[in-house]
Amino acid sequence: MATGKITKSAVDAAQPGGKDWFLWDERVRGFGLKVTPKGSKSYLFQYRMGGRGSKVRRYTIGRHGTLTPDGARKIAEQLAAQVAQGEDPQASRIQSRRDAIELAFKPYCQRFHDEYLLHNWKSTHAEGLRLLERFAFPVLKDKALPAITKKDVSDVLRPLRAMPATEKKVFAVLRKLFNWAVNEGDLQASPMTGMETPAGVPSRQRVLDDDELSLVWKVSYRLGHPYGPWLRCLILTGQRKGETGGLMWSELSRDGRLWSMKGERTKNGQPQTVPLSDPAILELDRIAAEQFDREDGTWPKTGPVFTTTGDKPINGFSKIKKRVDKFVEELNQGQDEPIVVEHWTFHDLRRTLATGMQRLGVRFEVTEAILNHVGLSKSGIAGVYQRHDWKSEKVAALDAWASHVGALPVGGNKDGNVVPLRRA
């Protein structure tokens, strides 16, 4: 058995023979050079797990040329340290190959979606996967989960600091993914352990006043179908933009004057019923007549209400908002007293409804029920024993709100009058 110092000159001088020939390094025990009869040269590490009586194992480090003798020797030293700690390098390599295939980040995210998000984040599972695809995939790519570090996660989150709401959402879905991987036995520990949750967006206080609301209502008629009717229904019902945009005819009852959503369609996973006021019924009647040729006052049974394709609900709300802002600006041009509309979002319309109902004298619990909030009025022991659904009160409140909106003169209501609602 040839031994000596494995150097570049020694490797270059090694010639093939009739069978495999080995040169064992005199500095690092087990480190060797293998030369095949065809002249191929590679570095290897030979070791035993458990002492002299155990089987000799060989670990191929790599081909000469790809690796230098010094580089291969350093790897051999690392392998020797693994063996000294009782860790089998071959088993580690097999595990690494499994990790690279089964625990690669991108395919693992799809598995996480199919096996966890789809069943536990029923109303937001698609958004969870979309956030991973958009913000985490470009950074983590197919890196194996066990190889992902805190720094890797920070690299995903750092560009999002200017978008605190998005940063907090991405943080939440990544944390859930890694914790789920730990529970599944695919990770020993989450790389996010000890990381602080981003602060997120401060609670918004924006409420549109009556002048602003009447202007937005007027602008909605410039949007055309289906975005104008959608915006007016958003104002009248106070529901979330995505929930309203995804409204299906099967959720509606014209005779019952009711919109019913299953938990799978709501943000908090709680079923919701929304009484329909006369103006809301009118909007839906117009859509049924003009877009679905229902002149008899009936509504379709299936399909989305607000659609441009006939089979898919509308989306792209940011583009719709830009159009609204553009039309608001155009309407204000040339006005002696233009209505200054500060920055607002579609979600602010929910807060506007809630504030308007407070002015109308609607009970807090009724407003919370309309907004489908699981707040203090429905939490804890109260949520177990207090099962009143506020149906009749919701009808009265939404009718009063619709009357108030309908009474707003186009261009603004300077006196701020409201339609009063007697407390139930």
Protein backbone atom coordinates (compact mmCIF):
# COMPACT_ATOMS: atom_id res chain seq x y z
CA MET A 1 0.00 0.00 0.00
CA ALA A 2 1.64 3.21 -1.25
CA THR A 3 1.78 6.09 1.20
CA GLY A 4 3.17 9.58 0.87
CA LYS A 5 2.22 13.24 0.86
CA ILE A 6 -0.53 13.85 -1.67
CA THR A 7 0.57 16.93 -3.61
CA LYS A 8 -0.14 18.19 -7.10
CA SER A 9 3.20 16.87 -8.36
CA ALA A 10 2.51 13.46 -6.78
CA VAL A 11 -0.94 13.34 -8.35
CA ASP A 12 0.37 14.39 -11.76
CA ALA A 13 3.10 11.75 -11.55
CA ALA A 14 0.68 8.93 -10.68
CA GLN A 15 0.24 6.60 -13.68
CA PRO A 16 -2.55 4.07 -14.37
CA GLY A 17 -1.87 0.37 -14.13
CA GLY A 18 -3.73 -2.87 -14.69
CA LYS A 19 -6.05 -2.22 -11.73
CA ASP A 20 -7.06 0.56 -9.39
CA TRP A 21 -4.05 2.10 -7.68
CA PHE A 22 -4.16 4.03 -4.40
CA LEU A 23 -1.87 6.56 -2.74
CA TRP A 24 -2.65 7.16 0.95
CA ASP A 25 -1.80 10.47 2.51
CA GLU A 26 0.74 10.39 5.33
CA ARG A 27 -0.73 13.51 6.99
CA VAL A 28 -4.48 12.78 7.16
CA ARG A 29 -5.35 9.20 8.01
CA GLY A 30 -7.84 7.73 5.51
CA PHE A 31 -7.33 10.41 2.86
CA GLY A 32 -6.31 8.90 -0.47
CA LEU A 33 -5.92 9.23 -4.22
CA LYS A 34 -7.44 6.63 -6.52
CA VAL A 35 -6.17 6.08 -10.10
CA THR A 36 -8.21 3.79 -12.36
CA PRO A 37 -6.76 1.73 -15.25
CA LYS A 38 -8.24 4.32 -17.64
CA GLY A 39 -6.32 7.10 -15.92
CA SER A 40 -9.20 8.72 -14.01
CA LYS A 41 -7.99 10.29 -10.76
CA SER A 42 -10.20 11.01 -7.77
CA TYR A 43 -9.87 11.71 -4.05
CA LEU A 44 -11.50 9.58 -1.39
CA PHE A 45 -11.76 9.11 2.34
CA GLN A 46 -11.61 5.64 3.93
CA TYR A 47 -12.92 5.05 7.46
CA ARG A 48 -14.58 2.64 9.88
CA MET A 49 -17.58 3.25 12.12
CA GLY A 50 -17.05 1.35 15.38
CA GLY A 51 -13.37 0.35 15.43
CA ARG A 52 -11.14 -2.25 13.76
CA GLY A 53 -13.75 -4.99 13.65
CA SER A 54 -16.22 -2.89 11.69
CA LYS A 55 -16.60 -2.68 7.92
CA VAL A 56 -14.30 -0.40 5.95
CA ARG A 57 -16.22 2.33 4.11
CA ARG A 58 -15.10 4.64 1.37
CA TYR A 59 -16.43 8.10 0.63
CA THR A 60 -15.66 9.66 -2.77
CA ILE A 61 -14.67 13.28 -2.25
CA GLY A 62 -14.39 14.29 -5.90
CA ARG A 63 -12.39 14.19 -9.11
CA HIS A 64 -8.90 15.62 -9.47
CA GLY A 65 -9.06 18.82 -11.50
CA THR A 66 -12.37 19.79 -9.99
CA LEU A 67 -10.59 19.64 -6.63
CA THR A 68 -6.98 20.38 -5.76
CA PRO A 69 -5.07 18.09 -3.36
CA ASP A 70 -5.20 20.75 -0.63
CA GLY A 71 -8.94 21.31 -1.13
CA ALA A 72 -9.66 17.58 -1.04
CA ARG A 73 -7.48 17.20 2.10
CA LYS A 74 -9.54 19.86 3.91
CA ILE A 75 -12.73 17.97 3.08
CA ALA A 76 -11.11 14.75 4.32
CA GLU A 77 -10.25 16.48 7.61
CA GLN A 78 -13.90 17.52 7.98
CA LEU A 79 -15.03 13.96 7.28
CA ALA A 80 -12.58 12.60 9.83
CA ALA A 81 -14.04 15.00 12.41
CA GLN A 82 -17.54 13.70 11.60
CA VAL A 83 -16.40 10.11 12.13
CA ALA A 84 -14.72 11.05 15.42
CA GLN A 85 -18.11 12.42 16.58
CA GLY A 86 -19.87 9.20 15.59
CA GLU A 87 -21.47 10.58 12.44
CA ASP A 88 -21.35 8.47 9.29
CA PRO A 89 -20.39 10.64 6.26
CA GLN A 90 -22.15 8.25 3.85
CA ALA A 91 -25.38 8.48 5.82
CA SER A 92 -25.03 12.26 5.89
CA ARG A 93 -24.59 12.29 2.11
CA ILE A 94 -27.71 10.18 1.63
CA GLN A 95 -29.62 12.55 3.93
CA SER A 96 -28.28 15.55 2.03
CA ARG A 97 -29.48 14.05 -1.25
CA ARG A 98 -32.92 13.43 0.29
CA ASP A 99 -32.99 16.97 1.59
CA ALA A 100 -32.10 18.35 -1.83
CA ILE A 101 -35.03 16.49 -3.40
CA GLU A 102 -37.76 16.09 -0.79
CA LEU A 103 -37.03 19.15 1.31
CA ALA A 104 -36.20 21.62 -1.45
CA PHE A 105 -37.97 24.85 -0.57
CA LYS A 106 -40.14 25.35 -3.67
CA PRO A 107 -41.71 21.86 -3.84
CA TYR A 108 -41.99 21.78 -0.05
CA CYS A 109 -44.06 24.98 -0.16
CA GLN A 110 -46.51 23.26 -2.51
CA ARG A 111 -46.74 20.33 -0.12
CA PHE A 112 -47.26 22.78 2.78
CA HIS A 113 -50.10 24.40 0.83
CA ASP A 114 -51.78 21.12 -0.10
CA GLU A 115 -51.46 19.44 3.30
CA TYR A 116 -51.81 22.38 5.70
CA LEU A 117 -52.89 25.74 4.27
CA LEU A 118 -55.70 24.31 2.15
CA HIS A 119 -57.31 22.78 5.23
CA ASN A 120 -56.44 25.28 7.95
CA TRP A 121 -56.28 28.62 6.13
CA LYS A 122 -59.40 27.94 4.07
CA SER A 123 -60.15 31.51 3.06
CA THR A 124 -56.53 32.66 2.62
CA HIS A 125 -54.65 29.53 1.48
CA ALA A 126 -54.18 30.88 -2.06
CA GLU A 127 -52.81 34.17 -0.74
CA GLY A 128 -50.40 32.28 1.54
CA LEU A 129 -48.94 30.34 -1.36
CA ARG A 130 -48.85 33.46 -3.54
CA LEU A 131 -46.83 35.33 -0.91
CA LEU A 132 -44.30 32.50 -0.78
CA GLU A 133 -44.04 32.34 -4.57
CA ARG A 134 -43.66 36.09 -5.00
CA PHE A 135 -41.33 36.99 -2.16
CA ALA A 136 -39.62 33.83 -0.83
CA PHE A 137 -39.03 31.81 -4.01
CA PRO A 138 -36.65 34.35 -5.63
CA VAL A 139 -34.42 34.26 -2.52
CA LEU A 140 -34.62 30.71 -1.20
CA LYS A 141 -35.21 28.96 -4.55
CA ASP A 142 -34.67 25.19 -4.09
CA LYS A 143 -32.49 25.42 -1.00
CA ALA A 144 -33.11 22.48 1.32
CA LEU A 145 -35.12 23.39 4.42
CA PRO A 146 -32.44 22.19 6.90
CA ALA A 147 -29.92 24.49 5.20
CA ILE A 148 -32.07 27.63 5.52
CA THR A 149 -30.77 30.03 8.17
CA LYS A 150 -32.02 33.11 9.98
CA LYS A 151 -29.99 35.21 7.57
CA ASP A 152 -31.80 33.58 4.63
CA VAL A 153 -35.16 34.48 6.17
CA SER A 154 -33.92 38.01 6.85
CA ASP A 155 -32.90 38.27 3.19
CA VAL A 156 -36.51 37.49 2.24
CA LEU A 157 -37.99 40.03 4.66
CA ARG A 158 -35.51 42.90 4.31
CA PRO A 159 -36.84 44.23 0.96
CA LEU A 160 -40.36 44.28 2.44
CA ARG A 161 -39.66 46.72 5.26
CA ALA A 162 -41.14 49.53 3.19
CA MET A 163 -44.33 47.43 2.95
CA PRO A 164 -45.03 46.59 6.61
CA ALA A 165 -48.36 44.87 6.00
CA THR A 166 -46.83 42.55 3.41
CA GLU A 167 -43.75 41.96 5.57
CA LYS A 168 -45.92 40.84 8.47
CA LYS A 169 -47.94 38.48 6.24
CA VAL A 170 -44.83 36.90 4.70
CA PHE A 171 -43.30 36.52 8.16
CA ALA A 172 -46.44 34.76 9.39
CA VAL A 173 -46.67 32.27 6.54
CA LEU A 174 -42.94 31.46 6.68
CA ARG A 175 -43.10 30.94 10.44
CA LYS A 176 -46.07 28.60 10.03
CA LEU A 177 -44.27 26.68 7.27
CA PHE A 178 -41.15 26.07 9.36
CA ASN A 179 -43.13 25.19 12.49
CA TRP A 180 -45.20 22.75 10.45
CA ALA A 181 -42.00 21.21 9.07
CA VAL A 182 -40.79 20.70 12.65
CA ASN A 183 -44.07 19.01 13.58
CA GLU A 184 -43.77 16.78 10.50
CA GLY A 185 -40.27 15.71 11.56
CA ASP A 186 -38.62 17.31 8.53
CA LEU A 187 -36.74 19.92 10.60
CA GLN A 188 -35.06 19.74 13.99
CA ALA A 189 -35.79 23.40 14.69
CA SER A 190 -37.22 26.40 12.89
CA PRO A 191 -34.65 28.93 11.61
CA MET A 192 -37.11 31.63 12.72
CA THR A 193 -36.93 30.74 16.41
CA GLY A 194 -36.18 33.92 18.32
CA MET A 195 -36.97 36.25 15.42
CA GLU A 196 -39.19 39.19 16.37
CA THR A 197 -42.52 39.56 14.61
CA PRO A 198 -42.54 42.69 12.39
CA ALA A 199 -44.51 45.57 13.83
CA GLY A 200 -46.90 45.67 10.89
CA VAL A 201 -49.09 48.60 9.93
CA PRO A 202 -50.38 50.98 12.60
CA SER A 203 -54.14 50.84 12.99
CA ARG A 204 -55.72 53.06 10.34
CA GLN A 205 -58.13 55.79 11.33
CA ARG A 206 -59.19 56.97 7.86
CA VAL A 207 -62.91 57.59 7.44
CA LEU A 208 -64.40 59.21 4.36
CA ASP A 209 -66.67 62.15 5.20
CA ASP A 210 -70.03 62.60 3.46
CA ASP A 211 -68.58 64.87 0.77
CA GLU A 212 -65.89 62.34 -0.09
CA LEU A 213 -68.31 59.41 -0.02
CA SER A 214 -70.79 61.12 -2.32
CA LEU A 215 -67.97 61.91 -4.76
CA VAL A 216 -66.78 58.29 -4.78
CA TRP A 217 -70.39 57.17 -5.31
CA LYS A 218 -70.67 59.49 -8.32
CA VAL A 219 -67.35 58.26 -9.71
CA SER A 220 -68.57 54.65 -9.52
CA TYR A 221 -70.87 55.32 -12.49
CA ARG A 222 -67.86 56.21 -14.62
CA LEU A 223 -66.28 52.83 -13.92
CA GLY A 224 -68.94 50.93 -15.84
CA HIS A 225 -69.78 47.27 -15.40
CA PRO A 226 -68.77 45.32 -13.35
CA TYR A 227 -66.57 47.64 -11.30
CA GLY A 228 -69.12 50.39 -10.71
CA PRO A 229 -71.84 48.10 -9.31
CA TRP A 230 -69.17 46.31 -7.26
CA LEU A 231 -68.01 49.59 -5.70
CA ARG A 232 -71.58 50.65 -4.88
CA CYS A 233 -72.30 47.27 -3.27
CA LEU A 234 -69.05 47.62 -1.34
CA ILE A 235 -70.28 50.94 0.07
CA LEU A 236 -73.80 49.63 0.80
CA THR A 237 -72.85 46.36 2.51
CA GLY A 238 -69.56 47.17 4.26
CA GLN A 239 -68.07 43.79 3.38
CA ARG A 240 -64.45 43.23 2.37
CA LYS A 241 -63.39 44.00 -1.19
CA GLY A 242 -62.37 40.41 -1.99
CA GLU A 243 -65.50 38.94 -0.45
CA THR A 244 -67.69 41.37 -2.41
CA GLY A 245 -65.67 40.90 -5.58
CA GLY A 246 -66.06 37.13 -5.25
CA LEU A 247 -69.85 37.30 -4.75
CA MET A 248 -71.60 34.32 -6.37
CA TRP A 249 -75.24 34.20 -7.47
CA SER A 250 -75.61 30.98 -5.47
CA GLU A 251 -74.95 32.98 -2.28
CA LEU A 252 -77.91 35.28 -2.91
CA SER A 253 -81.60 34.99 -2.14
CA ARG A 254 -83.77 37.64 -3.74
CA ASP A 255 -86.90 36.50 -1.95
CA GLY A 256 -85.04 36.41 1.35
CA ARG A 257 -83.17 39.64 0.53
CA LEU A 258 -80.04 37.98 1.89
CA TRP A 259 -76.40 37.33 0.99
CA SER A 260 -74.98 34.27 2.76
CA MET A 261 -71.27 33.42 2.78
CA LYS A 262 -69.74 30.20 4.05
CA GLY A 263 -66.67 30.36 6.28
CA GLU A 264 -64.45 29.32 3.37
CA ARG A 265 -65.20 32.68 1.75
CA THR A 266 -64.55 34.98 4.68
CA LYS A 267 -61.28 36.29 6.03
CA ASN A 268 -61.86 35.01 9.57
CA GLY A 269 -63.38 31.70 8.51
CA GLN A 270 -66.74 32.57 10.09
CA PRO A 271 -69.99 32.28 8.08
CA GLN A 272 -71.64 35.62 7.35
CA THR A 273 -75.14 36.76 6.39
CA VAL A 274 -75.69 40.22 4.95
CA PRO A 275 -79.22 41.65 4.61
CA LEU A 276 -79.70 43.39 1.26
CA SER A 277 -81.12 46.90 1.25
CA ASP A 278 -83.34 48.22 -1.56
CA PRO A 279 -80.43 49.95 -3.36
CA ALA A 280 -78.37 46.74 -3.17
CA ILE A 281 -81.28 44.74 -4.59
CA LEU A 282 -81.60 47.32 -7.36
CA GLU A 283 -77.91 46.99 -8.28
CA LEU A 284 -78.24 43.21 -8.51
CA ASP A 285 -81.48 43.46 -10.50
CA ARG A 286 -79.72 45.67 -13.04
CA ILE A 287 -76.81 43.25 -13.39
CA ALA A 288 -79.19 40.31 -13.84
CA ALA A 289 -81.20 42.21 -16.46
CA GLU A 290 -78.39 43.87 -18.40
CA GLN A 291 -75.70 41.20 -18.24
CA PHE A 292 -77.73 37.99 -17.97
CA ASP A 293 -80.96 38.95 -19.82
CA ARG A 294 -83.11 38.41 -16.74
CA GLU A 295 -85.97 40.80 -17.42
CA ASP A 296 -88.42 38.96 -15.15
CA GLY A 297 -86.82 40.13 -11.90
CA THR A 298 -85.14 36.79 -11.18
CA TRP A 299 -81.44 36.20 -10.64
CA PRO A 300 -79.10 33.56 -12.06
CA LYS A 301 -78.41 30.55 -9.84
CA THR A 302 -74.72 30.05 -10.54
CA GLY A 303 -71.57 31.90 -11.50
CA PRO A 304 -69.93 35.12 -10.27
CA VAL A 305 -71.93 38.33 -10.01
CA PHE A 306 -69.08 40.71 -10.78
CA THR A 307 -67.20 39.28 -13.75
CA THR A 308 -65.63 40.30 -17.03
CA THR A 309 -65.16 36.75 -18.31
CA GLY A 310 -68.42 35.12 -17.28
CA ASP A 311 -66.77 32.41 -15.21
CA LYS A 312 -64.24 34.18 -12.97
CA PRO A 313 -64.78 36.92 -10.35
CA ILE A 314 -63.07 40.28 -10.77
CA ASN A 315 -59.68 41.02 -9.24
CA GLY A 316 -56.97 43.63 -9.74
CA PHE A 317 -58.39 45.98 -7.11
CA SER A 318 -55.31 48.22 -7.12
CA LYS A 319 -55.95 49.04 -10.79
CA ILE A 320 -59.58 49.79 -10.03
CA LYS A 321 -58.50 52.14 -7.24
CA LYS A 322 -56.21 54.03 -9.62
CA ARG A 323 -59.13 54.54 -12.00
CA VAL A 324 -61.30 55.82 -9.15
CA ASP A 325 -58.60 58.29 -8.09
CA LYS A 326 -58.21 59.47 -11.68
CA PHE A 327 -61.94 60.09 -12.07
CA VAL A 328 -62.10 61.90 -8.71
CA GLU A 329 -59.36 64.23 -9.91
CA GLU A 330 -61.17 64.83 -13.21
CA LEU A 331 -64.46 65.63 -11.46
CA ASN A 332 -62.71 68.16 -9.25
CA GLN A 333 -61.14 70.03 -12.14
CA GLY A 334 -62.74 73.40 -12.71
CA GLN A 335 -64.80 73.28 -9.51
CA ASP A 336 -64.96 76.45 -7.41
CA GLU A 337 -64.87 74.34 -4.25
CA PRO A 338 -63.21 71.05 -5.16
CA ILE A 339 -63.56 68.24 -2.67
CA VAL A 340 -60.08 67.34 -1.46
CA VAL A 341 -59.93 63.56 -1.03
CA GLU A 342 -56.93 62.49 1.02
CA HIS A 343 -55.38 59.08 0.51
CA TRP A 344 -57.86 56.28 1.19
CA THR A 345 -58.27 52.57 0.50
CA PHE A 346 -61.26 50.38 -0.29
CA HIS A 347 -60.94 48.91 3.19
CA ASP A 348 -61.58 52.39 4.62
CA LEU A 349 -65.14 52.11 3.29
CA ARG A 350 -65.80 49.51 6.02
CA ARG A 351 -64.64 51.94 8.68
CA THR A 352 -66.72 54.66 7.02
CA LEU A 353 -69.83 52.46 7.28
CA ALA A 354 -69.04 51.62 10.91
CA THR A 355 -68.55 55.29 11.79
CA GLY A 356 -71.70 56.26 9.90
CA MET A 357 -73.69 53.66 11.81
CA GLN A 358 -72.37 55.04 15.05
CA ARG A 359 -73.73 58.44 14.01
CA LEU A 360 -77.03 56.75 13.12
CA GLY A 361 -77.31 55.29 16.61
CA VAL A 362 -76.68 51.65 15.67
CA ARG A 363 -75.56 49.44 18.54
CA PHE A 364 -71.89 48.46 18.55
CA GLU A 365 -72.76 44.74 18.55
CA VAL A 366 -74.90 45.16 15.43
CA THR A 367 -72.14 46.97 13.55
CA GLU A 368 -69.67 44.25 14.57
CA ALA A 369 -72.08 41.61 13.27
CA ILE A 370 -72.44 43.44 9.94
CA LEU A 371 -68.64 43.63 9.59
CA ASN A 372 -68.29 39.97 10.64
CA HIS A 373 -65.84 40.91 13.38
CA VAL A 374 -65.08 38.42 16.12
CA GLY A 375 -64.32 41.09 18.69
CA LEU A 376 -64.91 41.58 22.38
CA SER A 377 -68.66 41.24 21.92
CA LYS A 378 -68.29 37.66 20.59
CA SER A 379 -65.12 36.41 22.26
CA GLY A 380 -64.54 34.23 25.28
CA ILE A 381 -67.48 33.03 27.36
CA ALA A 382 -69.78 35.57 25.68
CA GLY A 383 -69.24 33.86 22.34
CA VAL A 384 -70.30 30.53 23.85
CA TYR A 385 -73.55 31.61 25.52
CA GLN A 386 -74.66 34.68 23.59
CA ARG A 387 -75.89 33.30 20.26
CA HIS A 388 -78.20 36.10 19.06
CA ASP A 389 -77.47 36.78 15.38
CA TRP A 390 -78.84 40.35 15.27
CA LYS A 391 -80.64 39.58 12.01
CA SER A 392 -83.51 42.07 12.35
CA GLU A 393 -81.18 44.72 13.76
CA LYS A 394 -78.78 44.23 10.82
CA VAL A 395 -81.67 44.67 8.38
CA ALA A 396 -82.69 47.96 10.02
CA ALA A 397 -79.11 49.22 10.25
CA LEU A 398 -78.23 48.50 6.61
CA ASP A 399 -81.54 50.01 5.43
CA ALA A 400 -80.77 53.16 7.42
CA TRP A 401 -77.23 53.29 6.02
CA ALA A 402 -78.54 52.88 2.46
CA SER A 403 -81.01 55.72 3.07
CA HIS A 404 -78.22 57.90 4.36
CA VAL A 405 -76.01 57.18 1.34
CA GLY A 406 -78.94 57.76 -1.01
CA ALA A 407 -79.65 61.12 0.62
CA LEU A 408 -76.16 62.44 -0.02
CA PRO A 409 -76.29 65.03 -2.81
CA VAL A 410 -73.84 64.44 -5.62
CA GLY A 411 -70.90 66.70 -4.90
CA GLY A 412 -71.27 66.69 -1.15
CA ASN A 413 -73.51 67.17 1.81
CA LYS A 414 -72.36 70.27 3.66
CA ASP A 415 -74.70 70.04 6.63
CA GLY A 416 -73.79 66.44 7.46
CA ASN A 417 -77.40 65.41 8.11
CA VAL A 418 -78.05 61.71 8.72
CA VAL A 419 -81.14 59.54 8.73
CA PRO A 420 -81.72 58.71 12.42
CA LEU A 421 -82.21 55.15 13.60
CA ARG A 422 -84.02 54.57 16.86
CA ARG A 423 -82.04 52.26 19.15
CA ALA A 424 -83.40 48.73 19.30
